Each structure stands twice: as C-alpha cells, then as structure tokens.
Amino acid sequence: MTLLFPFVLIIVAVVLSYWIQRQRQAQKKRLYSHSKLLAELVEAHKLSPTERTSILDLAQRTSVRYADSLFVRPDLYAEAIQSWRDDHPGRSTTELEKLQDKLFATSSMDSKLT
C-alpha cells in the first residue's frame, strides 16, 4: 500500500505535465496562426473575397509557405505576378496590379512627410 501512493503520484504528475504542455502549445498556435494573420490583413486592407482568393492563388506561385508573406514582401508579389504572366501569356494583369497598388502604395500622408 505504501508503494502504491508514490507510484500514483508520479503518474499523476507526468499526466498533468503532459496536459499543461499540450495546452501551452495549443494556446501558442491560436495566438500565432498564419490563417488568423491572413484574415486580419485582408480585413485591414479591406480586400474583397475575390482579392483574397487572388492572394492565395498568387502565394501558390511563389516560394512562400504562407500567403500572409505577400503582404509584406513586394518582391514576392512581383515574382508571383510574373509567374502568372508566364502561365497566361497575353492575358491582362490589371486586377493583380491594382491589388499590388492597394497593398504596397504609400498613402498621401506618407508623401507629405517626405
């Protein structure tokens, strides 16, 4: 009987430690989710569902792992547009270029500061 109590105590401690670790991982994943960041960026830039889909499609054409990278890397966005042009010769990229301007254009306030 006296040997059973320490054994049970050790088992409970191991299970509790594992559960706490899993909870921390889940919380970290909720806080630092690429899909959540993408949704926030789409909302902040006031993008339409069609523009959001375009971002996702363009991301697949680049070496980026997550579409949210296209919001902060104009070079990757340009690479994605070029890839789209290569795959669709003769088709217009006007909508993609408008979206590029929407994402990376400086505001009138920025130009007044310089």
N, C-alpha and C. Protein backbone atom coordinates (compact mmCIF):
# COMPACT_ATOMS: atom_id res chain seq x y z
N MET A 1 0.82 -1.20 0.00
CA MET A 1 0.00 0.00 0.00
C MET A 1 0.86 1.26 0.00
N THR A 2 1.96 1.24 0.76
CA THR A 2 2.82 2.42 0.82
C THR A 2 3.57 2.64 -0.48
N LEU A 3 3.81 1.60 -1.27
CA LEU A 3 4.49 1.74 -2.55
C LEU A 3 3.53 2.23 -3.64
N LEU A 4 2.26 2.02 -3.47
CA LEU A 4 1.27 2.41 -4.46
C LEU A 4 1.10 3.93 -4.52
N PHE A 5 1.12 4.61 -3.38
CA PHE A 5 0.92 6.06 -3.34
C PHE A 5 1.98 6.83 -4.14
N PRO A 6 3.27 6.58 -3.96
CA PRO A 6 4.27 7.31 -4.77
C PRO A 6 4.13 7.02 -6.26
N PHE A 7 3.80 5.76 -6.58
CA PHE A 7 3.63 5.41 -7.99
C PHE A 7 2.47 6.20 -8.61
N VAL A 8 1.35 6.27 -7.94
CA VAL A 8 0.18 7.03 -8.42
C VAL A 8 0.52 8.51 -8.51
N LEU A 9 1.25 9.01 -7.53
CA LEU A 9 1.65 10.42 -7.51
C LEU A 9 2.53 10.75 -8.73
N ILE A 10 3.44 9.87 -9.04
CA ILE A 10 4.32 10.07 -10.20
C ILE A 10 3.50 10.03 -11.49
N ILE A 11 2.59 9.11 -11.62
CA ILE A 11 1.75 9.01 -12.82
C ILE A 11 0.91 10.28 -12.98
N VAL A 12 0.32 10.76 -11.91
CA VAL A 12 -0.49 11.98 -11.96
C VAL A 12 0.38 13.17 -12.37
N ALA A 13 1.59 13.26 -11.83
CA ALA A 13 2.49 14.37 -12.17
C ALA A 13 2.87 14.33 -13.65
N VAL A 14 3.14 13.15 -14.18
CA VAL A 14 3.52 13.02 -15.59
C VAL A 14 2.33 13.39 -16.49
N VAL A 15 1.18 12.90 -16.18
CA VAL A 15 -0.02 13.21 -16.98
C VAL A 15 -0.33 14.70 -16.91
N LEU A 16 -0.25 15.29 -15.74
CA LEU A 16 -0.51 16.72 -15.57
C LEU A 16 0.51 17.55 -16.33
N SER A 17 1.75 17.17 -16.27
CA SER A 17 2.80 17.88 -17.00
C SER A 17 2.56 17.80 -18.50
N TYR A 18 2.20 16.65 -19.01
CA TYR A 18 1.91 16.48 -20.44
C TYR A 18 0.72 17.34 -20.84
N TRP A 19 -0.33 17.35 -20.04
CA TRP A 19 -1.54 18.12 -20.34
C TRP A 19 -1.23 19.62 -20.38
N ILE A 20 -0.45 20.11 -19.42
CA ILE A 20 -0.07 21.53 -19.38
C ILE A 20 0.73 21.89 -20.62
N GLN A 21 1.65 21.04 -21.02
CA GLN A 21 2.47 21.30 -22.21
C GLN A 21 1.59 21.37 -23.45
N ARG A 22 0.64 20.47 -23.59
CA ARG A 22 -0.27 20.48 -24.74
C ARG A 22 -1.13 21.74 -24.76
N GLN A 23 -1.57 22.18 -23.59
CA GLN A 23 -2.38 23.40 -23.52
C GLN A 23 -1.57 24.62 -23.95
N ARG A 24 -0.33 24.70 -23.54
CA ARG A 24 0.53 25.82 -23.93
C ARG A 24 0.78 25.82 -25.44
N GLN A 25 1.00 24.64 -26.01
CA GLN A 25 1.21 24.55 -27.46
C GLN A 25 -0.05 24.99 -28.21
N ALA A 26 -1.21 24.57 -27.75
CA ALA A 26 -2.46 24.93 -28.40
C ALA A 26 -2.69 26.44 -28.30
N GLN A 27 -2.38 27.02 -27.15
CA GLN A 27 -2.56 28.46 -26.97
C GLN A 27 -1.61 29.23 -27.89
N LYS A 28 -0.38 28.79 -27.98
CA LYS A 28 0.60 29.44 -28.85
C LYS A 28 0.14 29.35 -30.31
N LYS A 29 -0.40 28.22 -30.69
CA LYS A 29 -0.87 28.04 -32.06
C LYS A 29 -2.04 28.97 -32.35
N ARG A 30 -2.93 29.17 -31.38
CA ARG A 30 -4.04 30.09 -31.58
C ARG A 30 -3.58 31.53 -31.69
N LEU A 31 -2.54 31.89 -30.93
CA LEU A 31 -2.06 33.27 -30.93
C LEU A 31 -1.26 33.59 -32.19
N TYR A 32 -0.53 32.63 -32.71
CA TYR A 32 0.38 32.87 -33.83
C TYR A 32 -0.02 32.07 -35.06
N SER A 33 -1.25 32.16 -35.45
CA SER A 33 -1.77 31.41 -36.59
C SER A 33 -1.62 32.23 -37.87
N HIS A 34 -1.06 31.62 -38.90
CA HIS A 34 -0.92 32.31 -40.19
C HIS A 34 -2.28 32.59 -40.81
N SER A 35 -3.22 31.68 -40.64
CA SER A 35 -4.55 31.91 -41.21
C SER A 35 -5.25 33.06 -40.51
N LYS A 36 -5.04 33.18 -39.21
CA LYS A 36 -5.63 34.30 -38.46
C LYS A 36 -4.99 35.61 -38.90
N LEU A 37 -3.67 35.61 -39.07
CA LEU A 37 -2.98 36.80 -39.54
C LEU A 37 -3.46 37.19 -40.93
N LEU A 38 -3.62 36.22 -41.81
CA LEU A 38 -4.10 36.49 -43.15
C LEU A 38 -5.49 37.14 -43.09
N ALA A 39 -6.36 36.60 -42.27
CA ALA A 39 -7.71 37.16 -42.13
C ALA A 39 -7.65 38.60 -41.63
N GLU A 40 -6.77 38.88 -40.67
CA GLU A 40 -6.63 40.24 -40.15
C GLU A 40 -6.08 41.18 -41.21
N LEU A 41 -5.12 40.72 -42.00
CA LEU A 41 -4.54 41.55 -43.06
C LEU A 41 -5.57 41.83 -44.16
N VAL A 42 -6.36 40.83 -44.52
CA VAL A 42 -7.41 41.02 -45.52
C VAL A 42 -8.41 42.06 -45.03
N GLU A 43 -8.77 41.96 -43.76
CA GLU A 43 -9.72 42.92 -43.18
C GLU A 43 -9.11 44.33 -43.10
N ALA A 44 -7.87 44.42 -42.68
CA ALA A 44 -7.21 45.72 -42.54
C ALA A 44 -7.05 46.42 -43.88
N HIS A 45 -6.81 45.66 -44.95
CA HIS A 45 -6.66 46.24 -46.27
C HIS A 45 -7.98 46.35 -47.01
N LYS A 46 -9.05 45.92 -46.35
CA LYS A 46 -10.40 45.97 -46.93
C LYS A 46 -10.46 45.27 -48.30
N LEU A 47 -9.92 44.06 -48.33
CA LEU A 47 -9.91 43.29 -49.57
C LEU A 47 -11.23 42.54 -49.73
N SER A 48 -11.65 42.42 -50.96
CA SER A 48 -12.85 41.66 -51.28
C SER A 48 -12.53 40.17 -51.23
N PRO A 49 -13.56 39.33 -51.21
CA PRO A 49 -13.30 37.88 -51.26
C PRO A 49 -12.53 37.47 -52.52
N THR A 50 -12.80 38.14 -53.64
CA THR A 50 -12.08 37.84 -54.88
C THR A 50 -10.60 38.20 -54.74
N GLU A 51 -10.32 39.34 -54.11
CA GLU A 51 -8.93 39.75 -53.91
C GLU A 51 -8.22 38.79 -52.95
N ARG A 52 -8.93 38.33 -51.95
CA ARG A 52 -8.34 37.35 -51.01
C ARG A 52 -7.98 36.06 -51.75
N THR A 53 -8.87 35.63 -52.62
CA THR A 53 -8.61 34.43 -53.41
C THR A 53 -7.40 34.64 -54.32
N SER A 54 -7.30 35.84 -54.88
CA SER A 54 -6.15 36.15 -55.74
C SER A 54 -4.84 36.07 -54.95
N ILE A 55 -4.86 36.57 -53.72
CA ILE A 55 -3.67 36.50 -52.86
C ILE A 55 -3.28 35.04 -52.63
N LEU A 56 -4.26 34.21 -52.33
CA LEU A 56 -4.00 32.79 -52.09
C LEU A 56 -3.45 32.11 -53.35
N ASP A 57 -4.04 32.44 -54.50
CA ASP A 57 -3.55 31.86 -55.76
C ASP A 57 -2.12 32.32 -56.06
N LEU A 58 -1.84 33.59 -55.85
CA LEU A 58 -0.50 34.10 -56.10
C LEU A 58 0.53 33.47 -55.16
N ALA A 59 0.13 33.25 -53.92
CA ALA A 59 1.05 32.64 -52.95
C ALA A 59 1.50 31.25 -53.40
N GLN A 60 0.61 30.55 -54.06
CA GLN A 60 0.97 29.20 -54.54
C GLN A 60 1.99 29.26 -55.67
N ARG A 61 2.14 30.41 -56.29
CA ARG A 61 3.08 30.57 -57.41
C ARG A 61 4.48 30.96 -56.95
N THR A 62 4.65 31.20 -55.67
CA THR A 62 5.94 31.65 -55.15
C THR A 62 6.53 30.61 -54.22
N SER A 63 7.68 30.94 -53.70
CA SER A 63 8.36 30.04 -52.77
C SER A 63 7.91 30.24 -51.33
N VAL A 64 6.91 31.10 -51.10
CA VAL A 64 6.47 31.35 -49.73
C VAL A 64 5.61 30.21 -49.23
N ARG A 65 5.67 30.01 -47.95
CA ARG A 65 4.89 28.94 -47.34
C ARG A 65 3.50 29.43 -46.95
N TYR A 66 3.41 30.73 -46.61
CA TYR A 66 2.14 31.29 -46.15
C TYR A 66 1.79 32.54 -46.96
N ALA A 67 0.53 32.68 -47.31
CA ALA A 67 0.07 33.80 -48.13
C ALA A 67 0.27 35.15 -47.46
N ASP A 68 0.29 35.18 -46.13
CA ASP A 68 0.45 36.47 -45.45
C ASP A 68 1.79 37.14 -45.77
N SER A 69 2.75 36.37 -46.24
CA SER A 69 4.06 36.93 -46.61
C SER A 69 3.95 37.90 -47.78
N LEU A 70 2.97 37.69 -48.65
CA LEU A 70 2.81 38.57 -49.81
C LEU A 70 2.42 39.99 -49.41
N PHE A 71 1.90 40.17 -48.21
CA PHE A 71 1.51 41.50 -47.74
C PHE A 71 2.71 42.35 -47.35
N VAL A 72 3.81 41.71 -47.05
CA VAL A 72 4.98 42.45 -46.56
C VAL A 72 6.21 42.30 -47.46
N ARG A 73 6.08 41.53 -48.51
CA ARG A 73 7.21 41.31 -49.42
C ARG A 73 6.81 41.65 -50.85
N PRO A 74 6.96 42.92 -51.24
CA PRO A 74 6.59 43.30 -52.60
C PRO A 74 7.36 42.52 -53.66
N ASP A 75 8.57 42.11 -53.34
CA ASP A 75 9.36 41.34 -54.30
C ASP A 75 8.71 39.98 -54.59
N LEU A 76 8.14 39.36 -53.56
CA LEU A 76 7.46 38.08 -53.76
C LEU A 76 6.17 38.27 -54.55
N TYR A 77 5.48 39.37 -54.27
CA TYR A 77 4.26 39.66 -55.00
C TYR A 77 4.58 39.84 -56.49
N ALA A 78 5.63 40.59 -56.77
CA ALA A 78 6.05 40.81 -58.17
C ALA A 78 6.45 39.49 -58.83
N GLU A 79 7.12 38.63 -58.08
CA GLU A 79 7.51 37.31 -58.59
C GLU A 79 6.27 36.49 -58.93
N ALA A 80 5.25 36.58 -58.09
CA ALA A 80 4.02 35.83 -58.32
C ALA A 80 3.28 36.35 -59.55
N ILE A 81 3.25 37.67 -59.72
CA ILE A 81 2.61 38.24 -60.91
C ILE A 81 3.36 37.78 -62.17
N GLN A 82 4.67 37.79 -62.13
CA GLN A 82 5.45 37.34 -63.29
C GLN A 82 5.17 35.87 -63.60
N SER A 83 5.06 35.07 -62.59
CA SER A 83 4.73 33.66 -62.79
C SER A 83 3.35 33.52 -63.43
N TRP A 84 2.40 34.34 -62.97
CA TRP A 84 1.06 34.32 -63.54
C TRP A 84 1.11 34.71 -65.02
N ARG A 85 1.90 35.76 -65.34
CA ARG A 85 2.06 36.20 -66.74
C ARG A 85 2.65 35.08 -67.61
N ASP A 86 3.64 34.39 -67.06
CA ASP A 86 4.28 33.30 -67.81
C ASP A 86 3.28 32.19 -68.12
N ASP A 87 2.38 31.93 -67.18
CA ASP A 87 1.39 30.87 -67.36
C ASP A 87 0.19 31.30 -68.21
N HIS A 88 -0.03 32.62 -68.31
CA HIS A 88 -1.18 33.16 -69.03
C HIS A 88 -0.73 34.24 -70.01
N PRO A 89 0.06 33.90 -71.01
CA PRO A 89 0.56 34.92 -71.94
C PRO A 89 -0.59 35.62 -72.66
N GLY A 90 -0.48 36.94 -72.76
CA GLY A 90 -1.49 37.72 -73.46
C GLY A 90 -2.66 38.15 -72.60
N ARG A 91 -2.81 37.57 -71.42
CA ARG A 91 -3.93 37.97 -70.54
C ARG A 91 -3.52 39.15 -69.68
N SER A 92 -4.48 39.94 -69.34
CA SER A 92 -4.24 41.17 -68.59
C SER A 92 -3.96 40.88 -67.12
N THR A 93 -3.04 41.63 -66.56
CA THR A 93 -2.75 41.54 -65.12
C THR A 93 -3.20 42.80 -64.40
N THR A 94 -4.10 43.55 -65.02
CA THR A 94 -4.55 44.81 -64.45
C THR A 94 -5.09 44.64 -63.03
N GLU A 95 -5.93 43.64 -62.82
CA GLU A 95 -6.52 43.44 -61.49
C GLU A 95 -5.45 43.09 -60.46
N LEU A 96 -4.49 42.28 -60.87
CA LEU A 96 -3.40 41.93 -59.95
C LEU A 96 -2.54 43.15 -59.63
N GLU A 97 -2.33 43.99 -60.62
CA GLU A 97 -1.54 45.21 -60.40
C GLU A 97 -2.29 46.21 -59.54
N LYS A 98 -3.62 46.29 -59.70
CA LYS A 98 -4.42 47.15 -58.82
C LYS A 98 -4.33 46.66 -57.38
N LEU A 99 -4.38 45.35 -57.22
CA LEU A 99 -4.26 44.77 -55.88
C LEU A 99 -2.87 45.06 -55.32
N GLN A 100 -1.85 44.98 -56.16
CA GLN A 100 -0.49 45.31 -55.73
C GLN A 100 -0.42 46.76 -55.25
N ASP A 101 -1.02 47.67 -55.99
CA ASP A 101 -1.05 49.07 -55.58
C ASP A 101 -1.78 49.24 -54.25
N LYS A 102 -2.84 48.50 -54.09
CA LYS A 102 -3.63 48.57 -52.85
C LYS A 102 -2.82 48.10 -51.65
N LEU A 103 -1.99 47.09 -51.86
CA LEU A 103 -1.20 46.53 -50.76
C LEU A 103 0.05 47.35 -50.45
N PHE A 104 0.70 47.90 -51.48
CA PHE A 104 2.02 48.48 -51.27
C PHE A 104 2.13 49.97 -51.56
N ALA A 105 1.10 50.59 -52.07
CA ALA A 105 1.17 52.02 -52.38
C ALA A 105 1.29 52.83 -51.10
N THR A 106 2.07 53.90 -51.16
CA THR A 106 2.18 54.78 -49.99
C THR A 106 0.98 55.70 -49.98
N SER A 107 0.55 56.05 -48.78
CA SER A 107 -0.61 56.93 -48.66
C SER A 107 -0.21 58.37 -48.92
N SER A 108 -1.19 59.24 -49.11
CA SER A 108 -0.90 60.66 -49.33
C SER A 108 -0.23 61.26 -48.10
N MET A 109 -0.53 60.74 -46.94
CA MET A 109 0.08 61.22 -45.71
C MET A 109 1.59 60.92 -45.71
N ASP A 110 1.97 59.74 -46.21
CA ASP A 110 3.39 59.39 -46.30
C ASP A 110 4.14 60.33 -47.23
N SER A 111 3.52 60.67 -48.36
CA SER A 111 4.20 61.53 -49.31
C SER A 111 4.34 62.96 -48.78
N LYS A 112 3.44 63.39 -47.92
CA LYS A 112 3.53 64.72 -47.34
C LYS A 112 4.67 64.81 -46.32
N LEU A 113 4.99 63.66 -45.71
CA LEU A 113 6.03 63.63 -44.69
C LEU A 113 7.42 63.67 -45.31
N THR A 114 7.56 63.26 -46.57
CA THR A 114 8.88 63.23 -47.18
C THR A 114 9.19 64.45 -47.98
